[in-house]
Amino acid sequence: GHIKSFCIHCGSALPNLQMDGALLV
């Protein structure tokens, strides 16, 4: 559940949905 979304080109951290889409981080 420790989730990180990122750009595959530059590695920048990006938003993601957690808890089956109930929480936007």
PDBML (XML) file of the C-alpha atoms, coordinates in Angstrom:
<?xml version="1.0" encoding="UTF-8" ?>
<PDBx:datablock datablockName="MODEL"
   xmlns:PDBx="http://pdbml.pdb.org/schema/pdbx-v50.xsd"
   xmlns:xsi="http://www.w3.org/2001/XMLSchema-instance"
   xsi:schemaLocation="http://pdbml.pdb.org/schema/pdbx-v50.xsd pdbx-v50.xsd">
   <PDBx:atom_siteCategory>
      <PDBx:atom_site id="1">
         <PDBx:B_iso_or_equiv>0.00</PDBx:B_iso_or_equiv>
         <PDBx:Cartn_x>0.000</PDBx:Cartn_x>
         <PDBx:Cartn_y>0.000</PDBx:Cartn_y>
         <PDBx:Cartn_z>0.000</PDBx:Cartn_z>
         <PDBx:auth_asym_id>A</PDBx:auth_asym_id>
         <PDBx:auth_atom_id>CA</PDBx:auth_atom_id>
         <PDBx:auth_comp_id>GLY</PDBx:auth_comp_id>
         <PDBx:auth_seq_id>1</PDBx:auth_seq_id>
         <PDBx:group_PDB>ATOM</PDBx:group_PDB>
         <PDBx:label_alt_id xsi:nil="true" />
         <PDBx:label_asym_id>A</PDBx:label_asym_id>
         <PDBx:label_atom_id>CA</PDBx:label_atom_id>
         <PDBx:label_comp_id>GLY</PDBx:label_comp_id>
         <PDBx:label_entity_id>1</PDBx:label_entity_id>
         <PDBx:label_seq_id>1</PDBx:label_seq_id>
         <PDBx:occupancy>1.00</PDBx:occupancy>
         <PDBx:pdbx_PDB_model_num>1</PDBx:pdbx_PDB_model_num>
         <PDBx:type_symbol>C</PDBx:type_symbol>
      </PDBx:atom_site>
      <PDBx:atom_site id="2">
         <PDBx:B_iso_or_equiv>0.00</PDBx:B_iso_or_equiv>
         <PDBx:Cartn_x>3.045</PDBx:Cartn_x>
         <PDBx:Cartn_y>2.274</PDBx:Cartn_y>
         <PDBx:Cartn_z>-0.078</PDBx:Cartn_z>
         <PDBx:auth_asym_id>A</PDBx:auth_asym_id>
         <PDBx:auth_atom_id>CA</PDBx:auth_atom_id>
         <PDBx:auth_comp_id>HIS</PDBx:auth_comp_id>
         <PDBx:auth_seq_id>2</PDBx:auth_seq_id>
         <PDBx:group_PDB>ATOM</PDBx:group_PDB>
         <PDBx:label_alt_id xsi:nil="true" />
         <PDBx:label_asym_id>A</PDBx:label_asym_id>
         <PDBx:label_atom_id>CA</PDBx:label_atom_id>
         <PDBx:label_comp_id>HIS</PDBx:label_comp_id>
         <PDBx:label_entity_id>1</PDBx:label_entity_id>
         <PDBx:label_seq_id>2</PDBx:label_seq_id>
         <PDBx:occupancy>1.00</PDBx:occupancy>
         <PDBx:pdbx_PDB_model_num>1</PDBx:pdbx_PDB_model_num>
         <PDBx:type_symbol>C</PDBx:type_symbol>
      </PDBx:atom_site>
      <PDBx:atom_site id="3">
         <PDBx:B_iso_or_equiv>0.00</PDBx:B_iso_or_equiv>
         <PDBx:Cartn_x>2.317</PDBx:Cartn_x>
         <PDBx:Cartn_y>3.553</PDBx:Cartn_y>
         <PDBx:Cartn_z>-3.577</PDBx:Cartn_z>
         <PDBx:auth_asym_id>A</PDBx:auth_asym_id>
         <PDBx:auth_atom_id>CA</PDBx:auth_atom_id>
         <PDBx:auth_comp_id>ILE</PDBx:auth_comp_id>
         <PDBx:auth_seq_id>3</PDBx:auth_seq_id>
         <PDBx:group_PDB>ATOM</PDBx:group_PDB>
         <PDBx:label_alt_id xsi:nil="true" />
         <PDBx:label_asym_id>A</PDBx:label_asym_id>
         <PDBx:label_atom_id>CA</PDBx:label_atom_id>
         <PDBx:label_comp_id>ILE</PDBx:label_comp_id>
         <PDBx:label_entity_id>1</PDBx:label_entity_id>
         <PDBx:label_seq_id>3</PDBx:label_seq_id>
         <PDBx:occupancy>1.00</PDBx:occupancy>
         <PDBx:pdbx_PDB_model_num>1</PDBx:pdbx_PDB_model_num>
         <PDBx:type_symbol>C</PDBx:type_symbol>
      </PDBx:atom_site>
      <PDBx:atom_site id="4">
         <PDBx:B_iso_or_equiv>0.00</PDBx:B_iso_or_equiv>
         <PDBx:Cartn_x>4.212</PDBx:Cartn_x>
         <PDBx:Cartn_y>5.967</PDBx:Cartn_y>
         <PDBx:Cartn_z>-5.786</PDBx:Cartn_z>
         <PDBx:auth_asym_id>A</PDBx:auth_asym_id>
         <PDBx:auth_atom_id>CA</PDBx:auth_atom_id>
         <PDBx:auth_comp_id>LYS</PDBx:auth_comp_id>
         <PDBx:auth_seq_id>4</PDBx:auth_seq_id>
         <PDBx:group_PDB>ATOM</PDBx:group_PDB>
         <PDBx:label_alt_id xsi:nil="true" />
         <PDBx:label_asym_id>A</PDBx:label_asym_id>
         <PDBx:label_atom_id>CA</PDBx:label_atom_id>
         <PDBx:label_comp_id>LYS</PDBx:label_comp_id>
         <PDBx:label_entity_id>1</PDBx:label_entity_id>
         <PDBx:label_seq_id>4</PDBx:label_seq_id>
         <PDBx:occupancy>1.00</PDBx:occupancy>
         <PDBx:pdbx_PDB_model_num>1</PDBx:pdbx_PDB_model_num>
         <PDBx:type_symbol>C</PDBx:type_symbol>
      </PDBx:atom_site>
      <PDBx:atom_site id="5">
         <PDBx:B_iso_or_equiv>0.00</PDBx:B_iso_or_equiv>
         <PDBx:Cartn_x>3.356</PDBx:Cartn_x>
         <PDBx:Cartn_y>7.042</PDBx:Cartn_y>
         <PDBx:Cartn_z>-9.326</PDBx:Cartn_z>
         <PDBx:auth_asym_id>A</PDBx:auth_asym_id>
         <PDBx:auth_atom_id>CA</PDBx:auth_atom_id>
         <PDBx:auth_comp_id>SER</PDBx:auth_comp_id>
         <PDBx:auth_seq_id>5</PDBx:auth_seq_id>
         <PDBx:group_PDB>ATOM</PDBx:group_PDB>
         <PDBx:label_alt_id xsi:nil="true" />
         <PDBx:label_asym_id>A</PDBx:label_asym_id>
         <PDBx:label_atom_id>CA</PDBx:label_atom_id>
         <PDBx:label_comp_id>SER</PDBx:label_comp_id>
         <PDBx:label_entity_id>1</PDBx:label_entity_id>
         <PDBx:label_seq_id>5</PDBx:label_seq_id>
         <PDBx:occupancy>1.00</PDBx:occupancy>
         <PDBx:pdbx_PDB_model_num>1</PDBx:pdbx_PDB_model_num>
         <PDBx:type_symbol>C</PDBx:type_symbol>
      </PDBx:atom_site>
      <PDBx:atom_site id="6">
         <PDBx:B_iso_or_equiv>0.00</PDBx:B_iso_or_equiv>
         <PDBx:Cartn_x>6.023</PDBx:Cartn_x>
         <PDBx:Cartn_y>8.652</PDBx:Cartn_y>
         <PDBx:Cartn_z>-11.483</PDBx:Cartn_z>
         <PDBx:auth_asym_id>A</PDBx:auth_asym_id>
         <PDBx:auth_atom_id>CA</PDBx:auth_atom_id>
         <PDBx:auth_comp_id>PHE</PDBx:auth_comp_id>
         <PDBx:auth_seq_id>6</PDBx:auth_seq_id>
         <PDBx:group_PDB>ATOM</PDBx:group_PDB>
         <PDBx:label_alt_id xsi:nil="true" />
         <PDBx:label_asym_id>A</PDBx:label_asym_id>
         <PDBx:label_atom_id>CA</PDBx:label_atom_id>
         <PDBx:label_comp_id>PHE</PDBx:label_comp_id>
         <PDBx:label_entity_id>1</PDBx:label_entity_id>
         <PDBx:label_seq_id>6</PDBx:label_seq_id>
         <PDBx:occupancy>1.00</PDBx:occupancy>
         <PDBx:pdbx_PDB_model_num>1</PDBx:pdbx_PDB_model_num>
         <PDBx:type_symbol>C</PDBx:type_symbol>
      </PDBx:atom_site>
      <PDBx:atom_site id="7">
         <PDBx:B_iso_or_equiv>0.00</PDBx:B_iso_or_equiv>
         <PDBx:Cartn_x>6.939</PDBx:Cartn_x>
         <PDBx:Cartn_y>9.781</PDBx:Cartn_y>
         <PDBx:Cartn_z>-15.001</PDBx:Cartn_z>
         <PDBx:auth_asym_id>A</PDBx:auth_asym_id>
         <PDBx:auth_atom_id>CA</PDBx:auth_atom_id>
         <PDBx:auth_comp_id>CYS</PDBx:auth_comp_id>
         <PDBx:auth_seq_id>7</PDBx:auth_seq_id>
         <PDBx:group_PDB>ATOM</PDBx:group_PDB>
         <PDBx:label_alt_id xsi:nil="true" />
         <PDBx:label_asym_id>A</PDBx:label_asym_id>
         <PDBx:label_atom_id>CA</PDBx:label_atom_id>
         <PDBx:label_comp_id>CYS</PDBx:label_comp_id>
         <PDBx:label_entity_id>1</PDBx:label_entity_id>
         <PDBx:label_seq_id>7</PDBx:label_seq_id>
         <PDBx:occupancy>1.00</PDBx:occupancy>
         <PDBx:pdbx_PDB_model_num>1</PDBx:pdbx_PDB_model_num>
         <PDBx:type_symbol>C</PDBx:type_symbol>
      </PDBx:atom_site>
      <PDBx:atom_site id="8">
         <PDBx:B_iso_or_equiv>0.00</PDBx:B_iso_or_equiv>
         <PDBx:Cartn_x>8.950</PDBx:Cartn_x>
         <PDBx:Cartn_y>7.111</PDBx:Cartn_y>
         <PDBx:Cartn_z>-16.831</PDBx:Cartn_z>
         <PDBx:auth_asym_id>A</PDBx:auth_asym_id>
         <PDBx:auth_atom_id>CA</PDBx:auth_atom_id>
         <PDBx:auth_comp_id>ILE</PDBx:auth_comp_id>
         <PDBx:auth_seq_id>8</PDBx:auth_seq_id>
         <PDBx:group_PDB>ATOM</PDBx:group_PDB>
         <PDBx:label_alt_id xsi:nil="true" />
         <PDBx:label_asym_id>A</PDBx:label_asym_id>
         <PDBx:label_atom_id>CA</PDBx:label_atom_id>
         <PDBx:label_comp_id>ILE</PDBx:label_comp_id>
         <PDBx:label_entity_id>1</PDBx:label_entity_id>
         <PDBx:label_seq_id>8</PDBx:label_seq_id>
         <PDBx:occupancy>1.00</PDBx:occupancy>
         <PDBx:pdbx_PDB_model_num>1</PDBx:pdbx_PDB_model_num>
         <PDBx:type_symbol>C</PDBx:type_symbol>
      </PDBx:atom_site>
      <PDBx:atom_site id="9">
         <PDBx:B_iso_or_equiv>0.00</PDBx:B_iso_or_equiv>
         <PDBx:Cartn_x>11.084</PDBx:Cartn_x>
         <PDBx:Cartn_y>9.797</PDBx:Cartn_y>
         <PDBx:Cartn_z>-18.513</PDBx:Cartn_z>
         <PDBx:auth_asym_id>A</PDBx:auth_asym_id>
         <PDBx:auth_atom_id>CA</PDBx:auth_atom_id>
         <PDBx:auth_comp_id>HIS</PDBx:auth_comp_id>
         <PDBx:auth_seq_id>9</PDBx:auth_seq_id>
         <PDBx:group_PDB>ATOM</PDBx:group_PDB>
         <PDBx:label_alt_id xsi:nil="true" />
         <PDBx:label_asym_id>A</PDBx:label_asym_id>
         <PDBx:label_atom_id>CA</PDBx:label_atom_id>
         <PDBx:label_comp_id>HIS</PDBx:label_comp_id>
         <PDBx:label_entity_id>1</PDBx:label_entity_id>
         <PDBx:label_seq_id>9</PDBx:label_seq_id>
         <PDBx:occupancy>1.00</PDBx:occupancy>
         <PDBx:pdbx_PDB_model_num>1</PDBx:pdbx_PDB_model_num>
         <PDBx:type_symbol>C</PDBx:type_symbol>
      </PDBx:atom_site>
      <PDBx:atom_site id="10">
         <PDBx:B_iso_or_equiv>0.00</PDBx:B_iso_or_equiv>
         <PDBx:Cartn_x>12.138</PDBx:Cartn_x>
         <PDBx:Cartn_y>12.068</PDBx:Cartn_y>
         <PDBx:Cartn_z>-15.646</PDBx:Cartn_z>
         <PDBx:auth_asym_id>A</PDBx:auth_asym_id>
         <PDBx:auth_atom_id>CA</PDBx:auth_atom_id>
         <PDBx:auth_comp_id>CYS</PDBx:auth_comp_id>
         <PDBx:auth_seq_id>10</PDBx:auth_seq_id>
         <PDBx:group_PDB>ATOM</PDBx:group_PDB>
         <PDBx:label_alt_id xsi:nil="true" />
         <PDBx:label_asym_id>A</PDBx:label_asym_id>
         <PDBx:label_atom_id>CA</PDBx:label_atom_id>
         <PDBx:label_comp_id>CYS</PDBx:label_comp_id>
         <PDBx:label_entity_id>1</PDBx:label_entity_id>
         <PDBx:label_seq_id>10</PDBx:label_seq_id>
         <PDBx:occupancy>1.00</PDBx:occupancy>
         <PDBx:pdbx_PDB_model_num>1</PDBx:pdbx_PDB_model_num>
         <PDBx:type_symbol>C</PDBx:type_symbol>
      </PDBx:atom_site>
      <PDBx:atom_site id="11">
         <PDBx:B_iso_or_equiv>0.00</PDBx:B_iso_or_equiv>
         <PDBx:Cartn_x>11.079</PDBx:Cartn_x>
         <PDBx:Cartn_y>10.161</PDBx:Cartn_y>
         <PDBx:Cartn_z>-12.514</PDBx:Cartn_z>
         <PDBx:auth_asym_id>A</PDBx:auth_asym_id>
         <PDBx:auth_atom_id>CA</PDBx:auth_atom_id>
         <PDBx:auth_comp_id>GLY</PDBx:auth_comp_id>
         <PDBx:auth_seq_id>11</PDBx:auth_seq_id>
         <PDBx:group_PDB>ATOM</PDBx:group_PDB>
         <PDBx:label_alt_id xsi:nil="true" />
         <PDBx:label_asym_id>A</PDBx:label_asym_id>
         <PDBx:label_atom_id>CA</PDBx:label_atom_id>
         <PDBx:label_comp_id>GLY</PDBx:label_comp_id>
         <PDBx:label_entity_id>1</PDBx:label_entity_id>
         <PDBx:label_seq_id>11</PDBx:label_seq_id>
         <PDBx:occupancy>1.00</PDBx:occupancy>
         <PDBx:pdbx_PDB_model_num>1</PDBx:pdbx_PDB_model_num>
         <PDBx:type_symbol>C</PDBx:type_symbol>
      </PDBx:atom_site>
      <PDBx:atom_site id="12">
         <PDBx:B_iso_or_equiv>0.00</PDBx:B_iso_or_equiv>
         <PDBx:Cartn_x>8.945</PDBx:Cartn_x>
         <PDBx:Cartn_y>12.989</PDBx:Cartn_y>
         <PDBx:Cartn_z>-11.124</PDBx:Cartn_z>
         <PDBx:auth_asym_id>A</PDBx:auth_asym_id>
         <PDBx:auth_atom_id>CA</PDBx:auth_atom_id>
         <PDBx:auth_comp_id>SER</PDBx:auth_comp_id>
         <PDBx:auth_seq_id>12</PDBx:auth_seq_id>
         <PDBx:group_PDB>ATOM</PDBx:group_PDB>
         <PDBx:label_alt_id xsi:nil="true" />
         <PDBx:label_asym_id>A</PDBx:label_asym_id>
         <PDBx:label_atom_id>CA</PDBx:label_atom_id>
         <PDBx:label_comp_id>SER</PDBx:label_comp_id>
         <PDBx:label_entity_id>1</PDBx:label_entity_id>
         <PDBx:label_seq_id>12</PDBx:label_seq_id>
         <PDBx:occupancy>1.00</PDBx:occupancy>
         <PDBx:pdbx_PDB_model_num>1</PDBx:pdbx_PDB_model_num>
         <PDBx:type_symbol>C</PDBx:type_symbol>
      </PDBx:atom_site>
      <PDBx:atom_site id="13">
         <PDBx:B_iso_or_equiv>0.00</PDBx:B_iso_or_equiv>
         <PDBx:Cartn_x>6.385</PDBx:Cartn_x>
         <PDBx:Cartn_y>11.953</PDBx:Cartn_y>
         <PDBx:Cartn_z>-8.513</PDBx:Cartn_z>
         <PDBx:auth_asym_id>A</PDBx:auth_asym_id>
         <PDBx:auth_atom_id>CA</PDBx:auth_atom_id>
         <PDBx:auth_comp_id>ALA</PDBx:auth_comp_id>
         <PDBx:auth_seq_id>13</PDBx:auth_seq_id>
         <PDBx:group_PDB>ATOM</PDBx:group_PDB>
         <PDBx:label_alt_id xsi:nil="true" />
         <PDBx:label_asym_id>A</PDBx:label_asym_id>
         <PDBx:label_atom_id>CA</PDBx:label_atom_id>
         <PDBx:label_comp_id>ALA</PDBx:label_comp_id>
         <PDBx:label_entity_id>1</PDBx:label_entity_id>
         <PDBx:label_seq_id>13</PDBx:label_seq_id>
         <PDBx:occupancy>1.00</PDBx:occupancy>
         <PDBx:pdbx_PDB_model_num>1</PDBx:pdbx_PDB_model_num>
         <PDBx:type_symbol>C</PDBx:type_symbol>
      </PDBx:atom_site>
      <PDBx:atom_site id="14">
         <PDBx:B_iso_or_equiv>0.00</PDBx:B_iso_or_equiv>
         <PDBx:Cartn_x>2.806</PDBx:Cartn_x>
         <PDBx:Cartn_y>12.125</PDBx:Cartn_y>
         <PDBx:Cartn_z>-9.770</PDBx:Cartn_z>
         <PDBx:auth_asym_id>A</PDBx:auth_asym_id>
         <PDBx:auth_atom_id>CA</PDBx:auth_atom_id>
         <PDBx:auth_comp_id>LEU</PDBx:auth_comp_id>
         <PDBx:auth_seq_id>14</PDBx:auth_seq_id>
         <PDBx:group_PDB>ATOM</PDBx:group_PDB>
         <PDBx:label_alt_id xsi:nil="true" />
         <PDBx:label_asym_id>A</PDBx:label_asym_id>
         <PDBx:label_atom_id>CA</PDBx:label_atom_id>
         <PDBx:label_comp_id>LEU</PDBx:label_comp_id>
         <PDBx:label_entity_id>1</PDBx:label_entity_id>
         <PDBx:label_seq_id>14</PDBx:label_seq_id>
         <PDBx:occupancy>1.00</PDBx:occupancy>
         <PDBx:pdbx_PDB_model_num>1</PDBx:pdbx_PDB_model_num>
         <PDBx:type_symbol>C</PDBx:type_symbol>
      </PDBx:atom_site>
      <PDBx:atom_site id="15">
         <PDBx:B_iso_or_equiv>0.00</PDBx:B_iso_or_equiv>
         <PDBx:Cartn_x>-0.704</PDBx:Cartn_x>
         <PDBx:Cartn_y>11.667</PDBx:Cartn_y>
         <PDBx:Cartn_z>-8.342</PDBx:Cartn_z>
         <PDBx:auth_asym_id>A</PDBx:auth_asym_id>
         <PDBx:auth_atom_id>CA</PDBx:auth_atom_id>
         <PDBx:auth_comp_id>PRO</PDBx:auth_comp_id>
         <PDBx:auth_seq_id>15</PDBx:auth_seq_id>
         <PDBx:group_PDB>ATOM</PDBx:group_PDB>
         <PDBx:label_alt_id xsi:nil="true" />
         <PDBx:label_asym_id>A</PDBx:label_asym_id>
         <PDBx:label_atom_id>CA</PDBx:label_atom_id>
         <PDBx:label_comp_id>PRO</PDBx:label_comp_id>
         <PDBx:label_entity_id>1</PDBx:label_entity_id>
         <PDBx:label_seq_id>15</PDBx:label_seq_id>
         <PDBx:occupancy>1.00</PDBx:occupancy>
         <PDBx:pdbx_PDB_model_num>1</PDBx:pdbx_PDB_model_num>
         <PDBx:type_symbol>C</PDBx:type_symbol>
      </PDBx:atom_site>
      <PDBx:atom_site id="16">
         <PDBx:B_iso_or_equiv>0.00</PDBx:B_iso_or_equiv>
         <PDBx:Cartn_x>-2.226</PDBx:Cartn_x>
         <PDBx:Cartn_y>8.255</PDBx:Cartn_y>
         <PDBx:Cartn_z>-7.820</PDBx:Cartn_z>
         <PDBx:auth_asym_id>A</PDBx:auth_asym_id>
         <PDBx:auth_atom_id>CA</PDBx:auth_atom_id>
         <PDBx:auth_comp_id>ASN</PDBx:auth_comp_id>
         <PDBx:auth_seq_id>16</PDBx:auth_seq_id>
         <PDBx:group_PDB>ATOM</PDBx:group_PDB>
         <PDBx:label_alt_id xsi:nil="true" />
         <PDBx:label_asym_id>A</PDBx:label_asym_id>
         <PDBx:label_atom_id>CA</PDBx:label_atom_id>
         <PDBx:label_comp_id>ASN</PDBx:label_comp_id>
         <PDBx:label_entity_id>1</PDBx:label_entity_id>
         <PDBx:label_seq_id>16</PDBx:label_seq_id>
         <PDBx:occupancy>1.00</PDBx:occupancy>
         <PDBx:pdbx_PDB_model_num>1</PDBx:pdbx_PDB_model_num>
         <PDBx:type_symbol>C</PDBx:type_symbol>
      </PDBx:atom_site>
      <PDBx:atom_site id="17">
         <PDBx:B_iso_or_equiv>0.00</PDBx:B_iso_or_equiv>
         <PDBx:Cartn_x>-5.416</PDBx:Cartn_x>
         <PDBx:Cartn_y>6.652</PDBx:Cartn_y>
         <PDBx:Cartn_z>-6.621</PDBx:Cartn_z>
         <PDBx:auth_asym_id>A</PDBx:auth_asym_id>
         <PDBx:auth_atom_id>CA</PDBx:auth_atom_id>
         <PDBx:auth_comp_id>LEU</PDBx:auth_comp_id>
         <PDBx:auth_seq_id>17</PDBx:auth_seq_id>
         <PDBx:group_PDB>ATOM</PDBx:group_PDB>
         <PDBx:label_alt_id xsi:nil="true" />
         <PDBx:label_asym_id>A</PDBx:label_asym_id>
         <PDBx:label_atom_id>CA</PDBx:label_atom_id>
         <PDBx:label_comp_id>LEU</PDBx:label_comp_id>
         <PDBx:label_entity_id>1</PDBx:label_entity_id>
         <PDBx:label_seq_id>17</PDBx:label_seq_id>
         <PDBx:occupancy>1.00</PDBx:occupancy>
         <PDBx:pdbx_PDB_model_num>1</PDBx:pdbx_PDB_model_num>
         <PDBx:type_symbol>C</PDBx:type_symbol>
      </PDBx:atom_site>
      <PDBx:atom_site id="18">
         <PDBx:B_iso_or_equiv>0.00</PDBx:B_iso_or_equiv>
         <PDBx:Cartn_x>-5.304</PDBx:Cartn_x>
         <PDBx:Cartn_y>4.412</PDBx:Cartn_y>
         <PDBx:Cartn_z>-3.571</PDBx:Cartn_z>
         <PDBx:auth_asym_id>A</PDBx:auth_asym_id>
         <PDBx:auth_atom_id>CA</PDBx:auth_atom_id>
         <PDBx:auth_comp_id>GLN</PDBx:auth_comp_id>
         <PDBx:auth_seq_id>18</PDBx:auth_seq_id>
         <PDBx:group_PDB>ATOM</PDBx:group_PDB>
         <PDBx:label_alt_id xsi:nil="true" />
         <PDBx:label_asym_id>A</PDBx:label_asym_id>
         <PDBx:label_atom_id>CA</PDBx:label_atom_id>
         <PDBx:label_comp_id>GLN</PDBx:label_comp_id>
         <PDBx:label_entity_id>1</PDBx:label_entity_id>
         <PDBx:label_seq_id>18</PDBx:label_seq_id>
         <PDBx:occupancy>1.00</PDBx:occupancy>
         <PDBx:pdbx_PDB_model_num>1</PDBx:pdbx_PDB_model_num>
         <PDBx:type_symbol>C</PDBx:type_symbol>
      </PDBx:atom_site>
      <PDBx:atom_site id="19">
         <PDBx:B_iso_or_equiv>0.00</PDBx:B_iso_or_equiv>
         <PDBx:Cartn_x>-7.762</PDBx:Cartn_x>
         <PDBx:Cartn_y>2.344</PDBx:Cartn_y>
         <PDBx:Cartn_z>-1.524</PDBx:Cartn_z>
         <PDBx:auth_asym_id>A</PDBx:auth_asym_id>
         <PDBx:auth_atom_id>CA</PDBx:auth_atom_id>
         <PDBx:auth_comp_id>MET</PDBx:auth_comp_id>
         <PDBx:auth_seq_id>19</PDBx:auth_seq_id>
         <PDBx:group_PDB>ATOM</PDBx:group_PDB>
         <PDBx:label_alt_id xsi:nil="true" />
         <PDBx:label_asym_id>A</PDBx:label_asym_id>
         <PDBx:label_atom_id>CA</PDBx:label_atom_id>
         <PDBx:label_comp_id>MET</PDBx:label_comp_id>
         <PDBx:label_entity_id>1</PDBx:label_entity_id>
         <PDBx:label_seq_id>19</PDBx:label_seq_id>
         <PDBx:occupancy>1.00</PDBx:occupancy>
         <PDBx:pdbx_PDB_model_num>1</PDBx:pdbx_PDB_model_num>
         <PDBx:type_symbol>C</PDBx:type_symbol>
      </PDBx:atom_site>
      <PDBx:atom_site id="20">
         <PDBx:B_iso_or_equiv>0.00</PDBx:B_iso_or_equiv>
         <PDBx:Cartn_x>-9.540</PDBx:Cartn_x>
         <PDBx:Cartn_y>1.032</PDBx:Cartn_y>
         <PDBx:Cartn_z>-4.643</PDBx:Cartn_z>
         <PDBx:auth_asym_id>A</PDBx:auth_asym_id>
         <PDBx:auth_atom_id>CA</PDBx:auth_atom_id>
         <PDBx:auth_comp_id>ASP</PDBx:auth_comp_id>
         <PDBx:auth_seq_id>20</PDBx:auth_seq_id>
         <PDBx:group_PDB>ATOM</PDBx:group_PDB>
         <PDBx:label_alt_id xsi:nil="true" />
         <PDBx:label_asym_id>A</PDBx:label_asym_id>
         <PDBx:label_atom_id>CA</PDBx:label_atom_id>
         <PDBx:label_comp_id>ASP</PDBx:label_comp_id>
         <PDBx:label_entity_id>1</PDBx:label_entity_id>
         <PDBx:label_seq_id>20</PDBx:label_seq_id>
         <PDBx:occupancy>1.00</PDBx:occupancy>
         <PDBx:pdbx_PDB_model_num>1</PDBx:pdbx_PDB_model_num>
         <PDBx:type_symbol>C</PDBx:type_symbol>
      </PDBx:atom_site>
      <PDBx:atom_site id="21">
         <PDBx:B_iso_or_equiv>0.00</PDBx:B_iso_or_equiv>
         <PDBx:Cartn_x>-9.905</PDBx:Cartn_x>
         <PDBx:Cartn_y>4.554</PDBx:Cartn_y>
         <PDBx:Cartn_z>-6.021</PDBx:Cartn_z>
         <PDBx:auth_asym_id>A</PDBx:auth_asym_id>
         <PDBx:auth_atom_id>CA</PDBx:auth_atom_id>
         <PDBx:auth_comp_id>GLY</PDBx:auth_comp_id>
         <PDBx:auth_seq_id>21</PDBx:auth_seq_id>
         <PDBx:group_PDB>ATOM</PDBx:group_PDB>
         <PDBx:label_alt_id xsi:nil="true" />
         <PDBx:label_asym_id>A</PDBx:label_asym_id>
         <PDBx:label_atom_id>CA</PDBx:label_atom_id>
         <PDBx:label_comp_id>GLY</PDBx:label_comp_id>
         <PDBx:label_entity_id>1</PDBx:label_entity_id>
         <PDBx:label_seq_id>21</PDBx:label_seq_id>
         <PDBx:occupancy>1.00</PDBx:occupancy>
         <PDBx:pdbx_PDB_model_num>1</PDBx:pdbx_PDB_model_num>
         <PDBx:type_symbol>C</PDBx:type_symbol>
      </PDBx:atom_site>
      <PDBx:atom_site id="22">
         <PDBx:B_iso_or_equiv>0.00</PDBx:B_iso_or_equiv>
         <PDBx:Cartn_x>-11.400</PDBx:Cartn_x>
         <PDBx:Cartn_y>6.037</PDBx:Cartn_y>
         <PDBx:Cartn_z>-2.840</PDBx:Cartn_z>
         <PDBx:auth_asym_id>A</PDBx:auth_asym_id>
         <PDBx:auth_atom_id>CA</PDBx:auth_atom_id>
         <PDBx:auth_comp_id>ALA</PDBx:auth_comp_id>
         <PDBx:auth_seq_id>22</PDBx:auth_seq_id>
         <PDBx:group_PDB>ATOM</PDBx:group_PDB>
         <PDBx:label_alt_id xsi:nil="true" />
         <PDBx:label_asym_id>A</PDBx:label_asym_id>
         <PDBx:label_atom_id>CA</PDBx:label_atom_id>
         <PDBx:label_comp_id>ALA</PDBx:label_comp_id>
         <PDBx:label_entity_id>1</PDBx:label_entity_id>
         <PDBx:label_seq_id>22</PDBx:label_seq_id>
         <PDBx:occupancy>1.00</PDBx:occupancy>
         <PDBx:pdbx_PDB_model_num>1</PDBx:pdbx_PDB_model_num>
         <PDBx:type_symbol>C</PDBx:type_symbol>
      </PDBx:atom_site>
      <PDBx:atom_site id="23">
         <PDBx:B_iso_or_equiv>0.00</PDBx:B_iso_or_equiv>
         <PDBx:Cartn_x>-8.372</PDBx:Cartn_x>
         <PDBx:Cartn_y>8.228</PDBx:Cartn_y>
         <PDBx:Cartn_z>-2.059</PDBx:Cartn_z>
         <PDBx:auth_asym_id>A</PDBx:auth_asym_id>
         <PDBx:auth_atom_id>CA</PDBx:auth_atom_id>
         <PDBx:auth_comp_id>LEU</PDBx:auth_comp_id>
         <PDBx:auth_seq_id>23</PDBx:auth_seq_id>
         <PDBx:group_PDB>ATOM</PDBx:group_PDB>
         <PDBx:label_alt_id xsi:nil="true" />
         <PDBx:label_asym_id>A</PDBx:label_asym_id>
         <PDBx:label_atom_id>CA</PDBx:label_atom_id>
         <PDBx:label_comp_id>LEU</PDBx:label_comp_id>
         <PDBx:label_entity_id>1</PDBx:label_entity_id>
         <PDBx:label_seq_id>23</PDBx:label_seq_id>
         <PDBx:occupancy>1.00</PDBx:occupancy>
         <PDBx:pdbx_PDB_model_num>1</PDBx:pdbx_PDB_model_num>
         <PDBx:type_symbol>C</PDBx:type_symbol>
      </PDBx:atom_site>
      <PDBx:atom_site id="24">
         <PDBx:B_iso_or_equiv>0.00</PDBx:B_iso_or_equiv>
         <PDBx:Cartn_x>-6.491</PDBx:Cartn_x>
         <PDBx:Cartn_y>10.579</PDBx:Cartn_y>
         <PDBx:Cartn_z>-4.376</PDBx:Cartn_z>
         <PDBx:auth_asym_id>A</PDBx:auth_asym_id>
         <PDBx:auth_atom_id>CA</PDBx:auth_atom_id>
         <PDBx:auth_comp_id>LEU</PDBx:auth_comp_id>
         <PDBx:auth_seq_id>24</PDBx:auth_seq_id>
         <PDBx:group_PDB>ATOM</PDBx:group_PDB>
         <PDBx:label_alt_id xsi:nil="true" />
         <PDBx:label_asym_id>A</PDBx:label_asym_id>
         <PDBx:label_atom_id>CA</PDBx:label_atom_id>
         <PDBx:label_comp_id>LEU</PDBx:label_comp_id>
         <PDBx:label_entity_id>1</PDBx:label_entity_id>
         <PDBx:label_seq_id>24</PDBx:label_seq_id>
         <PDBx:occupancy>1.00</PDBx:occupancy>
         <PDBx:pdbx_PDB_model_num>1</PDBx:pdbx_PDB_model_num>
         <PDBx:type_symbol>C</PDBx:type_symbol>
      </PDBx:atom_site>
      <PDBx:atom_site id="25">
         <PDBx:B_iso_or_equiv>0.00</PDBx:B_iso_or_equiv>
         <PDBx:Cartn_x>-2.901</PDBx:Cartn_x>
         <PDBx:Cartn_y>11.240</PDBx:Cartn_y>
         <PDBx:Cartn_z>-3.298</PDBx:Cartn_z>
         <PDBx:auth_asym_id>A</PDBx:auth_asym_id>
         <PDBx:auth_atom_id>CA</PDBx:auth_atom_id>
         <PDBx:auth_comp_id>VAL</PDBx:auth_comp_id>
         <PDBx:auth_seq_id>25</PDBx:auth_seq_id>
         <PDBx:group_PDB>ATOM</PDBx:group_PDB>
         <PDBx:label_alt_id xsi:nil="true" />
         <PDBx:label_asym_id>A</PDBx:label_asym_id>
         <PDBx:label_atom_id>CA</PDBx:label_atom_id>
         <PDBx:label_comp_id>VAL</PDBx:label_comp_id>
         <PDBx:label_entity_id>1</PDBx:label_entity_id>
         <PDBx:label_seq_id>25</PDBx:label_seq_id>
         <PDBx:occupancy>1.00</PDBx:occupancy>
         <PDBx:pdbx_PDB_model_num>1</PDBx:pdbx_PDB_model_num>
         <PDBx:type_symbol>C</PDBx:type_symbol>
      </PDBx:atom_site>
   </PDBx:atom_siteCategory>
</PDBx:datablock>
